[in-house]
Amino acid sequence: MPAATLRREARDGGVPVSDLASAMDMDRTTLTRNLRPLLDQGLVALGADLADARVRRALITAKGGAAFVDAMPYWRVALGFVNRTLGEADAGALHDWMDLVTPAFRADPSEP
């Protein structure tokens, strides 16, 4: 969910796309492709870094922030369903397992 991670990672002026990709455990080109629908809808914007014009910074727009807030009740319902279906202990174990195996799927397994 790029918008949720972007909302968490971005501060004033947004976050460099490469940093956001790293936080989401994906390569920059994949993230850029995944951001396209959000950009097209005006939920996310890309801009140049003030210190380095070669760096693109992503930021969530006011429209994107409002959409995120509107979506949270639905996310909570879905999360509650998963926790009830799996049980909170198994849902937590699933998250732990995903954190454990994710490095195996990186292009360079030595990356943090």
PDB file of N, CA and C in Angstrom:
ATOM      1  N   MET A   1       0.848  -1.174   0.000  1.00  0.00           N
ATOM      2  CA  MET A   1       0.000   0.000   0.000  1.00  0.00           C
ATOM      3  C   MET A   1       0.895   1.239   0.000  1.00  0.00           C
ATOM      4  N   PRO A   2       1.231   1.747  -1.183  1.00  0.00           N
ATOM      5  CA  PRO A   2       2.145   2.886  -1.248  1.00  0.00           C
ATOM      6  C   PRO A   2       1.682   4.100  -0.473  1.00  0.00           C
ATOM      7  N   ALA A   3       0.395   4.418  -0.497  1.00  0.00           N
ATOM      8  CA  ALA A   3      -0.077   5.634   0.171  1.00  0.00           C
ATOM      9  C   ALA A   3       0.128   5.555   1.673  1.00  0.00           C
ATOM     10  N   ALA A   4      -0.129   4.397   2.281  1.00  0.00           N
ATOM     11  CA  ALA A   4       0.044   4.269   3.725  1.00  0.00           C
ATOM     12  C   ALA A   4       1.513   4.404   4.105  1.00  0.00           C
ATOM     13  N   THR A   5       2.389   3.760   3.364  1.00  0.00           N
ATOM     14  CA  THR A   5       3.815   3.870   3.656  1.00  0.00           C
ATOM     15  C   THR A   5       4.296   5.277   3.383  1.00  0.00           C
ATOM     16  N   LEU A   6       3.820   5.876   2.310  1.00  0.00           N
ATOM     17  CA  LEU A   6       4.192   7.250   1.994  1.00  0.00           C
ATOM     18  C   LEU A   6       3.740   8.182   3.109  1.00  0.00           C
ATOM     19  N   ARG A   7       2.536   8.001   3.587  1.00  0.00           N
ATOM     20  CA  ARG A   7       2.032   8.853   4.669  1.00  0.00           C
ATOM     21  C   ARG A   7       2.902   8.719   5.909  1.00  0.00           C
ATOM     22  N   ARG A   8       3.331   7.493   6.199  1.00  0.00           N
ATOM     23  CA  ARG A   8       4.170   7.250   7.370  1.00  0.00           C
ATOM     24  C   ARG A   8       5.582   7.785   7.172  1.00  0.00           C
ATOM     25  N   GLU A   9       6.149   7.600   5.989  1.00  0.00           N
ATOM     26  CA  GLU A   9       7.549   7.950   5.739  1.00  0.00           C
ATOM     27  C   GLU A   9       7.765   9.426   5.408  1.00  0.00           C
ATOM     28  N   ALA A  10       6.805  10.019   4.734  1.00  0.00           N
ATOM     29  CA  ALA A  10       7.002  11.386   4.230  1.00  0.00           C
ATOM     30  C   ALA A  10       6.860  12.411   5.344  1.00  0.00           C
ATOM     31  N   ARG A  11       7.727  13.345   5.327  1.00  0.00           N
ATOM     32  CA  ARG A  11       7.661  14.500   6.223  1.00  0.00           C
ATOM     33  C   ARG A  11       7.533  15.729   5.337  1.00  0.00           C
ATOM     34  N   ASP A  12       7.757  16.888   5.876  1.00  0.00           N
ATOM     35  CA  ASP A  12       7.679  18.111   5.073  1.00  0.00           C
ATOM     36  C   ASP A  12       8.521  17.963   3.822  1.00  0.00           C
ATOM     37  N   GLY A  13       7.925  18.225   2.693  1.00  0.00           N
ATOM     38  CA  GLY A  13       8.648  18.150   1.429  1.00  0.00           C
ATOM     39  C   GLY A  13       8.700  16.765   0.824  1.00  0.00           C
ATOM     40  N   GLY A  14       8.067  15.786   1.446  1.00  0.00           N
ATOM     41  CA  GLY A  14       8.029  14.447   0.877  1.00  0.00           C
ATOM     42  C   GLY A  14       9.248  13.620   1.214  1.00  0.00           C
ATOM     43  N   VAL A  15       9.345  12.479   0.568  1.00  0.00           N
ATOM     44  CA  VAL A  15      10.417  11.516   0.801  1.00  0.00           C
ATOM     45  C   VAL A  15      11.015  11.145  -0.553  1.00  0.00           C
ATOM     46  N   PRO A  16      12.348  11.017  -0.633  1.00  0.00           N
ATOM     47  CA  PRO A  16      12.931  10.577  -1.903  1.00  0.00           C
ATOM     48  C   PRO A  16      12.341   9.237  -2.340  1.00  0.00           C
ATOM     49  N   VAL A  17      12.042   9.113  -3.622  1.00  0.00           N
ATOM     50  CA  VAL A  17      11.438   7.893  -4.147  1.00  0.00           C
ATOM     51  C   VAL A  17      12.297   6.675  -3.818  1.00  0.00           C
ATOM     52  N   SER A  18      13.617   6.809  -3.900  1.00  0.00           N
ATOM     53  CA  SER A  18      14.490   5.669  -3.590  1.00  0.00           C
ATOM     54  C   SER A  18      14.360   5.254  -2.121  1.00  0.00           C
ATOM     55  N   ASP A  19      14.209   6.214  -1.215  1.00  0.00           N
ATOM     56  CA  ASP A  19      14.026   5.889   0.205  1.00  0.00           C
ATOM     57  C   ASP A  19      12.682   5.221   0.446  1.00  0.00           C
ATOM     58  N   LEU A  20      11.654   5.708  -0.247  1.00  0.00           N
ATOM     59  CA  LEU A  20      10.330   5.106  -0.115  1.00  0.00           C
ATOM     60  C   LEU A  20      10.340   3.677  -0.644  1.00  0.00           C
ATOM     61  N   ALA A  21      11.010   3.462  -1.775  1.00  0.00           N
ATOM     62  CA  ALA A  21      11.109   2.108  -2.336  1.00  0.00           C
ATOM     63  C   ALA A  21      11.801   1.178  -1.346  1.00  0.00           C
ATOM     64  N   SER A  22      12.849   1.660  -0.726  1.00  0.00           N
ATOM     65  CA  SER A  22      13.568   0.852   0.263  1.00  0.00           C
ATOM     66  C   SER A  22      12.665   0.527   1.453  1.00  0.00           C
ATOM     67  N   ALA A  23      11.922   1.511   1.927  1.00  0.00           N
ATOM     68  CA  ALA A  23      11.019   1.283   3.055  1.00  0.00           C
ATOM     69  C   ALA A  23       9.933   0.272   2.714  1.00  0.00           C
ATOM     70  N   MET A  24       9.574   0.198   1.423  1.00  0.00           N
ATOM     71  CA  MET A  24       8.534  -0.729   0.989  1.00  0.00           C
ATOM     72  C   MET A  24       9.102  -2.048   0.478  1.00  0.00           C
ATOM     73  N   ASP A  25      10.418  -2.171   0.536  1.00  0.00           N
ATOM     74  CA  ASP A  25      11.087  -3.399   0.113  1.00  0.00           C
ATOM     75  C   ASP A  25      10.825  -3.716  -1.356  1.00  0.00           C
ATOM     76  N   MET A  26      10.959  -2.680  -2.214  1.00  0.00           N
ATOM     77  CA  MET A  26      10.806  -2.883  -3.652  1.00  0.00           C
ATOM     78  C   MET A  26      11.796  -1.995  -4.382  1.00  0.00           C
ATOM     79  N   ASP A  27      12.038  -2.288  -5.641  1.00  0.00           N
ATOM     80  CA  ASP A  27      12.971  -1.436  -6.380  1.00  0.00           C
ATOM     81  C   ASP A  27      12.252  -0.170  -6.834  1.00  0.00           C
ATOM     82  N   ARG A  28      13.040   0.840  -7.145  1.00  0.00           N
ATOM     83  CA  ARG A  28      12.517   2.169  -7.472  1.00  0.00           C
ATOM     84  C   ARG A  28      11.592   2.145  -8.690  1.00  0.00           C
ATOM     85  N   THR A  29      11.955   1.391  -9.716  1.00  0.00           N
ATOM     86  CA  THR A  29      11.125   1.366 -10.924  1.00  0.00           C
ATOM     87  C   THR A  29       9.761   0.721 -10.655  1.00  0.00           C
ATOM     88  N   THR A  30       9.730  -0.316  -9.832  1.00  0.00           N
ATOM     89  CA  THR A  30       8.458  -0.949  -9.474  1.00  0.00           C
ATOM     90  C   THR A  30       7.594   0.025  -8.681  1.00  0.00           C
ATOM     91  N   LEU A  31       8.217   0.732  -7.739  1.00  0.00           N
ATOM     92  CA  LEU A  31       7.462   1.705  -6.959  1.00  0.00           C
ATOM     93  C   LEU A  31       6.890   2.794  -7.869  1.00  0.00           C
ATOM     94  N   THR A  32       7.704   3.307  -8.771  1.00  0.00           N
ATOM     95  CA  THR A  32       7.238   4.356  -9.679  1.00  0.00           C
ATOM     96  C   THR A  32       6.039   3.871 -10.479  1.00  0.00           C
ATOM     97  N   ARG A  33       6.099   2.645 -10.968  1.00  0.00           N
ATOM     98  CA  ARG A  33       4.974   2.065 -11.722  1.00  0.00           C
ATOM     99  C   ARG A  33       3.743   1.928 -10.811  1.00  0.00           C
ATOM    100  N   ASN A  34       3.950   1.523  -9.555  1.00  0.00           N
ATOM    101  CA  ASN A  34       2.831   1.351  -8.631  1.00  0.00           C
ATOM    102  C   ASN A  34       2.242   2.684  -8.168  1.00  0.00           C
ATOM    103  N   LEU A  35       3.054   3.742  -8.195  1.00  0.00           N
ATOM    104  CA  LEU A  35       2.554   5.063  -7.817  1.00  0.00           C
ATOM    105  C   LEU A  35       1.710   5.706  -8.917  1.00  0.00           C
ATOM    106  N   ARG A  36       1.859   5.244 -10.158  1.00  0.00           N
ATOM    107  CA  ARG A  36       1.195   5.886 -11.299  1.00  0.00           C
ATOM    108  C   ARG A  36      -0.305   6.094 -11.075  1.00  0.00           C
ATOM    109  N   PRO A  37      -1.081   5.080 -10.650  1.00  0.00           N
ATOM    110  CA  PRO A  37      -2.520   5.325 -10.442  1.00  0.00           C
ATOM    111  C   PRO A  37      -2.784   6.380  -9.368  1.00  0.00           C
ATOM    112  N   LEU A  38      -1.960   6.412  -8.329  1.00  0.00           N
ATOM    113  CA  LEU A  38      -2.130   7.412  -7.276  1.00  0.00           C
ATOM    114  C   LEU A  38      -1.797   8.808  -7.789  1.00  0.00           C
ATOM    115  N   LEU A  39      -0.771   8.896  -8.634  1.00  0.00           N
ATOM    116  CA  LEU A  39      -0.410  10.171  -9.254  1.00  0.00           C
ATOM    117  C   LEU A  39      -1.530  10.640 -10.177  1.00  0.00           C
ATOM    118  N   ASP A  40      -2.052   9.716 -10.990  1.00  0.00           N
ATOM    119  CA  ASP A  40      -3.110  10.051 -11.947  1.00  0.00           C
ATOM    120  C   ASP A  40      -4.376  10.552 -11.256  1.00  0.00           C
ATOM    121  N   GLN A  41      -4.633  10.051 -10.051  1.00  0.00           N
ATOM    122  CA  GLN A  41      -5.821  10.460  -9.295  1.00  0.00           C
ATOM    123  C   GLN A  41      -5.573  11.694  -8.429  1.00  0.00           C
ATOM    124  N   GLY A  42      -4.337  12.186  -8.412  1.00  0.00           N
ATOM    125  CA  GLY A  42      -4.013  13.353  -7.603  1.00  0.00           C
ATOM    126  C   GLY A  42      -3.868  13.057  -6.122  1.00  0.00           C
ATOM    127  N   LEU A  43      -3.672  11.787  -5.777  1.00  0.00           N
ATOM    128  CA  LEU A  43      -3.529  11.398  -4.379  1.00  0.00           C
ATOM    129  C   LEU A  43      -2.084  11.551  -3.902  1.00  0.00           C
ATOM    130  N   VAL A  44      -1.154  11.483  -4.834  1.00  0.00           N
ATOM    131  CA  VAL A  44       0.281  11.579  -4.564  1.00  0.00           C
ATOM    132  C   VAL A  44       0.867  12.527  -5.599  1.00  0.00           C
ATOM    133  N   ALA A  45       1.926  13.217  -5.222  1.00  0.00           N
ATOM    134  CA  ALA A  45       2.627  14.102  -6.154  1.00  0.00           C
ATOM    135  C   ALA A  45       4.119  13.798  -6.081  1.00  0.00           C
ATOM    136  N   LEU A  46       4.818  14.068  -7.171  1.00  0.00           N
ATOM    137  CA  LEU A  46       6.269  13.947  -7.223  1.00  0.00           C
ATOM    138  C   LEU A  46       6.846  15.324  -7.499  1.00  0.00           C
ATOM    139  N   GLY A  47       7.925  15.638  -6.821  1.00  0.00           N
ATOM    140  CA  GLY A  47       8.583  16.922  -7.041  1.00  0.00           C
ATOM    141  C   GLY A  47      10.083  16.770  -6.921  1.00  0.00           C
ATOM    142  N   ALA A  48      10.793  17.790  -7.369  1.00  0.00           N
ATOM    143  CA  ALA A  48      12.255  17.778  -7.288  1.00  0.00           C
ATOM    144  C   ALA A  48      12.693  18.111  -5.865  1.00  0.00           C
ATOM    145  N   ASP A  49      13.781  17.509  -5.460  1.00  0.00           N
ATOM    146  CA  ASP A  49      14.407  17.805  -4.175  1.00  0.00           C
ATOM    147  C   ASP A  49      15.018  19.201  -4.256  1.00  0.00           C
ATOM    148  N   LEU A  50      14.863  20.008  -3.242  1.00  0.00           N
ATOM    149  CA  LEU A  50      15.410  21.367  -3.262  1.00  0.00           C
ATOM    150  C   LEU A  50      16.939  21.369  -3.289  1.00  0.00           C
ATOM    151  N   ALA A  51      17.556  20.391  -2.658  1.00  0.00           N
ATOM    152  CA  ALA A  51      19.014  20.331  -2.603  1.00  0.00           C
ATOM    153  C   ALA A  51      19.621  19.644  -3.822  1.00  0.00           C
ATOM    154  N   ASP A  52      18.870  18.750  -4.472  1.00  0.00           N
ATOM    155  CA  ASP A  52      19.391  17.981  -5.596  1.00  0.00           C
ATOM    156  C   ASP A  52      18.260  17.715  -6.579  1.00  0.00           C
ATOM    157  N   ALA A  53      18.205  18.467  -7.657  1.00  0.00           N
ATOM    158  CA  ALA A  53      17.104  18.381  -8.620  1.00  0.00           C
ATOM    159  C   ALA A  53      17.012  17.011  -9.289  1.00  0.00           C
ATOM    160  N   ARG A  54      18.060  16.187  -9.190  1.00  0.00           N
ATOM    161  CA  ARG A  54      17.999  14.843  -9.778  1.00  0.00           C
ATOM    162  C   ARG A  54      17.148  13.901  -8.935  1.00  0.00           C
ATOM    163  N   VAL A  55      16.937  14.253  -7.675  1.00  0.00           N
ATOM    164  CA  VAL A  55      16.184  13.405  -6.751  1.00  0.00           C
ATOM    165  C   VAL A  55      14.715  13.785  -6.811  1.00  0.00           C
ATOM    166  N   ARG A  56      13.865  12.769  -7.029  1.00  0.00           N
ATOM    167  CA  ARG A  56      12.423  13.001  -7.004  1.00  0.00           C
ATOM    168  C   ARG A  56      11.901  12.655  -5.618  1.00  0.00           C
ATOM    169  N   ARG A  57      11.064  13.532  -5.095  1.00  0.00           N
ATOM    170  CA  ARG A  57      10.468  13.330  -3.777  1.00  0.00           C
ATOM    171  C   ARG A  57       8.969  13.078  -3.953  1.00  0.00           C
ATOM    172  N   ALA A  58       8.469  12.091  -3.255  1.00  0.00           N
ATOM    173  CA  ALA A  58       7.049  11.760  -3.300  1.00  0.00           C
ATOM    174  C   ALA A  58       6.380  12.318  -2.049  1.00  0.00           C
ATOM    175  N   LEU A  59       5.190  12.830  -2.242  1.00  0.00           N
ATOM    176  CA  LEU A  59       4.433  13.305  -1.089  1.00  0.00           C
ATOM    177  C   LEU A  59       2.964  13.050  -1.310  1.00  0.00           C
ATOM    178  N   ILE A  60       2.276  12.833  -0.220  1.00  0.00           N
ATOM    179  CA  ILE A  60       0.839  12.609  -0.296  1.00  0.00           C
ATOM    180  C   ILE A  60       0.171  13.974  -0.341  1.00  0.00           C
ATOM    181  N   THR A  61      -0.788  14.132  -1.222  1.00  0.00           N
ATOM    182  CA  THR A  61      -1.487  15.407  -1.379  1.00  0.00           C
ATOM    183  C   THR A  61      -2.595  15.519  -0.327  1.00  0.00           C
ATOM    184  N   ALA A  62      -3.192  16.690  -0.242  1.00  0.00           N
ATOM    185  CA  ALA A  62      -4.332  16.869   0.668  1.00  0.00           C
ATOM    186  C   ALA A  62      -5.459  15.906   0.294  1.00  0.00           C
ATOM    187  N   LYS A  63      -5.695  15.755  -1.008  1.00  0.00           N
ATOM    188  CA  LYS A  63      -6.717  14.813  -1.480  1.00  0.00           C
ATOM    189  C   LYS A  63      -6.355  13.390  -1.068  1.00  0.00           C
ATOM    190  N   GLY A  64      -5.072  13.039  -1.184  1.00  0.00           N
ATOM    191  CA  GLY A  64      -4.613  11.713  -0.791  1.00  0.00           C
ATOM    192  C   GLY A  64      -4.744  11.486   0.710  1.00  0.00           C
ATOM    193  N   GLY A  65      -4.419  12.500   1.493  1.00  0.00           N
ATOM    194  CA  GLY A  65      -4.567  12.391   2.943  1.00  0.00           C
ATOM    195  C   GLY A  65      -6.016  12.179   3.340  1.00  0.00           C
ATOM    196  N   ALA A  66      -6.927  12.903   2.678  1.00  0.00           N
ATOM    197  CA  ALA A  66      -8.353  12.740   2.966  1.00  0.00           C
ATOM    198  C   ALA A  66      -8.830  11.346   2.577  1.00  0.00           C
ATOM    199  N   ALA A  67      -8.373  10.846   1.424  1.00  0.00           N
ATOM    200  CA  ALA A  67      -8.755   9.494   0.983  1.00  0.00           C
ATOM    201  C   ALA A  67      -8.231   8.450   1.959  1.00  0.00           C
ATOM    202  N   PHE A  68      -7.026   8.668   2.470  1.00  0.00           N
ATOM    203  CA  PHE A  68      -6.442   7.743   3.445  1.00  0.00           C
ATOM    204  C   PHE A  68      -7.304   7.695   4.709  1.00  0.00           C
ATOM    205  N   VAL A  69      -7.682   8.859   5.205  1.00  0.00           N
ATOM    206  CA  VAL A  69      -8.526   8.926   6.406  1.00  0.00           C
ATOM    207  C   VAL A  69      -9.865   8.236   6.141  1.00  0.00           C
ATOM    208  N   ASP A  70     -10.441   8.469   4.964  1.00  0.00           N
ATOM    209  CA  ASP A  70     -11.718   7.838   4.614  1.00  0.00           C
ATOM    210  C   ASP A  70     -11.606   6.315   4.536  1.00  0.00           C
ATOM    211  N   ALA A  71     -10.453   5.813   4.125  1.00  0.00           N
ATOM    212  CA  ALA A  71     -10.258   4.370   3.948  1.00  0.00           C
ATOM    213  C   ALA A  71      -9.967   3.634   5.262  1.00  0.00           C
ATOM    214  N   MET A  72      -9.516   4.345   6.278  1.00  0.00           N
ATOM    215  CA  MET A  72      -9.096   3.681   7.517  1.00  0.00           C
ATOM    216  C   MET A  72     -10.184   2.815   8.158  1.00  0.00           C
ATOM    217  N   PRO A  73     -11.436   3.233   8.219  1.00  0.00           N
ATOM    218  CA  PRO A  73     -12.444   2.343   8.813  1.00  0.00           C
ATOM    219  C   PRO A  73     -12.552   1.003   8.067  1.00  0.00           C
ATOM    220  N   TYR A  74     -12.418   1.029   6.751  1.00  0.00           N
ATOM    221  CA  TYR A  74     -12.478  -0.203   5.960  1.00  0.00           C
ATOM    222  C   TYR A  74     -11.255  -1.079   6.235  1.00  0.00           C
ATOM    223  N   TRP A  75     -10.092  -0.425   6.386  1.00  0.00           N
ATOM    224  CA  TRP A  75      -8.873  -1.159   6.698  1.00  0.00           C
ATOM    225  C   TRP A  75      -9.007  -1.832   8.063  1.00  0.00           C
ATOM    226  N   ARG A  76      -9.557  -1.126   9.018  1.00  0.00           N
ATOM    227  CA  ARG A  76      -9.732  -1.708  10.361  1.00  0.00           C
ATOM    228  C   ARG A  76     -10.674  -2.910  10.322  1.00  0.00           C
ATOM    229  N   VAL A  77     -11.740  -2.818   9.525  1.00  0.00           N
ATOM    230  CA  VAL A  77     -12.663  -3.949   9.378  1.00  0.00           C
ATOM    231  C   VAL A  77     -11.931  -5.144   8.770  1.00  0.00           C
ATOM    232  N   ALA A  78     -11.169  -4.911   7.708  1.00  0.00           N
ATOM    233  CA  ALA A  78     -10.432  -5.997   7.053  1.00  0.00           C
ATOM    234  C   ALA A  78      -9.408  -6.605   8.006  1.00  0.00           C
ATOM    235  N   LEU A  79      -8.691  -5.763   8.723  1.00  0.00           N
ATOM    236  CA  LEU A  79      -7.697  -6.259   9.677  1.00  0.00           C
ATOM    237  C   LEU A  79      -8.364  -7.071  10.787  1.00  0.00           C
ATOM    238  N   GLY A  80      -9.486  -6.587  11.258  1.00  0.00           N
ATOM    239  CA  GLY A  80     -10.233  -7.330  12.274  1.00  0.00           C
ATOM    240  C   GLY A  80     -10.678  -8.690  11.760  1.00  0.00           C
ATOM    241  N   PHE A  81     -11.122  -8.750  10.504  1.00  0.00           N
ATOM    242  CA  PHE A  81     -11.540 -10.015   9.909  1.00  0.00           C
ATOM    243  C   PHE A  81     -10.370 -11.000   9.852  1.00  0.00           C
ATOM    244  N   VAL A  82      -9.207 -10.504   9.404  1.00  0.00           N
ATOM    245  CA  VAL A  82      -8.024 -11.372   9.339  1.00  0.00           C
ATOM    246  C   VAL A  82      -7.656 -11.866  10.732  1.00  0.00           C
ATOM    247  N   ASN A  83      -7.635 -10.968  11.699  1.00  0.00           N
ATOM    248  CA  ASN A  83      -7.272 -11.366  13.065  1.00  0.00           C
ATOM    249  C   ASN A  83      -8.261 -12.357  13.651  1.00  0.00           C
ATOM    250  N   ARG A  84      -9.561 -12.163  13.398  1.00  0.00           N
ATOM    251  CA  ARG A  84     -10.558 -13.113  13.896  1.00  0.00           C
ATOM    252  C   ARG A  84     -10.454 -14.454  13.175  1.00  0.00           C
ATOM    253  N   THR A  85     -10.200 -14.422  11.868  1.00  0.00           N
ATOM    254  CA  THR A  85     -10.137 -15.655  11.076  1.00  0.00           C
ATOM    255  C   THR A  85      -8.913 -16.479  11.440  1.00  0.00           C
ATOM    256  N   LEU A  86      -7.756 -15.820  11.509  1.00  0.00           N
ATOM    257  CA  LEU A  86      -6.517 -16.532  11.825  1.00  0.00           C
ATOM    258  C   LEU A  86      -6.290 -16.669  13.321  1.00  0.00           C
ATOM    259  N   GLY A  87      -6.869 -15.773  14.066  1.00  0.00           N
ATOM    260  CA  GLY A  87      -6.540 -15.650  15.480  1.00  0.00           C
ATOM    261  C   GLY A  87      -5.370 -14.682  15.591  1.00  0.00           C
ATOM    262  N   GLU A  88      -5.387 -13.834  16.603  1.00  0.00           N
ATOM    263  CA  GLU A  88      -4.353 -12.808  16.707  1.00  0.00           C
ATOM    264  C   GLU A  88      -2.951 -13.394  16.813  1.00  0.00           C
ATOM    265  N   ALA A  89      -2.813 -14.515  17.505  1.00  0.00           N
ATOM    266  CA  ALA A  89      -1.481 -15.123  17.643  1.00  0.00           C
ATOM    267  C   ALA A  89      -0.959 -15.598  16.289  1.00  0.00           C
ATOM    268  N   ASP A  90      -1.807 -16.271  15.502  1.00  0.00           N
ATOM    269  CA  ASP A  90      -1.373 -16.744  14.183  1.00  0.00           C
ATOM    270  C   ASP A  90      -1.156 -15.583  13.220  1.00  0.00           C
ATOM    271  N   ALA A  91      -1.980 -14.546  13.313  1.00  0.00           N
ATOM    272  CA  ALA A  91      -1.772 -13.367  12.462  1.00  0.00           C
ATOM    273  C   ALA A  91      -0.423 -12.727  12.795  1.00  0.00           C
ATOM    274  N   GLY A  92      -0.104 -12.641  14.074  1.00  0.00           N
ATOM    275  CA  GLY A  92       1.197 -12.105  14.484  1.00  0.00           C
ATOM    276  C   GLY A  92       2.331 -12.994  14.009  1.00  0.00           C
ATOM    277  N   ALA A  93       2.131 -14.313  14.098  1.00  0.00           N
ATOM    278  CA  ALA A  93       3.160 -15.248  13.626  1.00  0.00           C
ATOM    279  C   ALA A  93       3.356 -15.112  12.116  1.00  0.00           C
ATOM    280  N   LEU A  94       2.269 -14.885  11.381  1.00  0.00           N
ATOM    281  CA  LEU A  94       2.367 -14.687   9.938  1.00  0.00           C
ATOM    282  C   LEU A  94       3.197 -13.444   9.626  1.00  0.00           C
ATOM    283  N   HIS A  95       2.952 -12.364  10.338  1.00  0.00           N
ATOM    284  CA  HIS A  95       3.737 -11.143  10.133  1.00  0.00           C
ATOM    285  C   HIS A  95       5.215 -11.382  10.452  1.00  0.00           C
ATOM    286  N   ASP A  96       5.467 -12.097  11.547  1.00  0.00           N
ATOM    287  CA  ASP A  96       6.857 -12.411  11.914  1.00  0.00           C
ATOM    288  C   ASP A  96       7.524 -13.249  10.832  1.00  0.00           C
ATOM    289  N   TRP A  97       6.801 -14.241  10.305  1.00  0.00           N
ATOM    290  CA  TRP A  97       7.349 -15.103   9.254  1.00  0.00           C
ATOM    291  C   TRP A  97       7.644 -14.294   7.999  1.00  0.00           C
ATOM    292  N   MET A  98       6.731 -13.385   7.632  1.00  0.00           N
ATOM    293  CA  MET A  98       6.953 -12.560   6.444  1.00  0.00           C
ATOM    294  C   MET A  98       8.187 -11.679   6.623  1.00  0.00           C
ATOM    295  N   ASP A  99       8.369 -11.129   7.817  1.00  0.00           N
ATOM    296  CA  ASP A  99       9.573 -10.338   8.088  1.00  0.00           C
ATOM    297  C   ASP A  99      10.829 -11.193   7.975  1.00  0.00           C
ATOM    298  N   LEU A 100      10.722 -12.448   8.363  1.00  0.00           N
ATOM    299  CA  LEU A 100      11.861 -13.359   8.313  1.00  0.00           C
ATOM    300  C   LEU A 100      12.230 -13.750   6.890  1.00  0.00           C
ATOM    301  N   VAL A 101      11.242 -14.030   6.043  1.00  0.00           N
ATOM    302  CA  VAL A 101      11.534 -14.524   4.699  1.00  0.00           C
ATOM    303  C   VAL A 101      11.706 -13.423   3.658  1.00  0.00           C
ATOM    304  N   THR A 102      11.255 -12.230   3.928  1.00  0.00           N
ATOM    305  CA  THR A 102      11.346 -11.141   2.944  1.00  0.00           C
ATOM    306  C   THR A 102      12.763 -10.955   2.407  1.00  0.00           C
ATOM    307  N   PRO A 103      13.798 -10.991   3.242  1.00  0.00           N
ATOM    308  CA  PRO A 103      15.153 -10.804   2.700  1.00  0.00           C
ATOM    309  C   PRO A 103      15.528 -11.812   1.615  1.00  0.00           C
ATOM    310  N   ALA A 104      14.955 -12.987   1.635  1.00  0.00           N
ATOM    311  CA  ALA A 104      15.271 -13.999   0.627  1.00  0.00           C
ATOM    312  C   ALA A 104      14.803 -13.584  -0.767  1.00  0.00           C
ATOM    313  N   PHE A 105      13.866 -12.651  -0.855  1.00  0.00           N
ATOM    314  CA  PHE A 105      13.315 -12.236  -2.125  1.00  0.00           C
ATOM    315  C   PHE A 105      13.932 -10.951  -2.661  1.00  0.00           C
ATOM    316  N   ARG A 106      14.874 -10.391  -1.945  1.00  0.00           N
ATOM    317  CA  ARG A 106      15.553  -9.185  -2.399  1.00  0.00           C
ATOM    318  C   ARG A 106      16.558  -9.549  -3.474  1.00  0.00           C
ATOM    319  N   ALA A 107      16.827  -8.620  -4.386  1.00  0.00           N
ATOM    320  CA  ALA A 107      17.815  -8.840  -5.435  1.00  0.00           C
ATOM    321  C   ALA A 107      19.176  -9.133  -4.822  1.00  0.00           C
ATOM    322  N   ASP A 108      19.514  -8.415  -3.760  1.00  0.00           N
ATOM    323  CA  ASP A 108      20.773  -8.626  -3.037  1.00  0.00           C
ATOM    324  C   ASP A 108      20.399  -8.990  -1.605  1.00  0.00           C
ATOM    325  N   PRO A 109      20.432 -10.293  -1.240  1.00  0.00           N
ATOM    326  CA  PRO A 109      19.995 -10.723   0.078  1.00  0.00           C
ATOM    327  C   PRO A 109      20.767 -10.076   1.240  1.00  0.00           C
ATOM    328  N   SER A 110      21.902  -9.453   0.949  1.00  0.00           N
ATOM    329  CA  SER A 110      22.654  -8.824   2.041  1.00  0.00           C
ATOM    330  C   SER A 110      22.103  -7.451   2.402  1.00  0.00           C
ATOM    331  N   GLU A 111      21.150  -6.913   1.590  1.00  0.00           N
ATOM    332  CA  GLU A 111      20.559  -5.611   1.897  1.00  0.00           C
ATOM    333  C   GLU A 111      19.745  -5.722   3.169  1.00  0.00           C
ATOM    334  N   PRO A 112      19.729  -4.647   3.967  1.00  0.00           N
ATOM    335  CA  PRO A 112      18.939  -4.692   5.228  1.00  0.00           C
ATOM    336  C   PRO A 112      17.458  -4.734   4.954  1.00  0.00           C
TER     337      PRO A 112
END
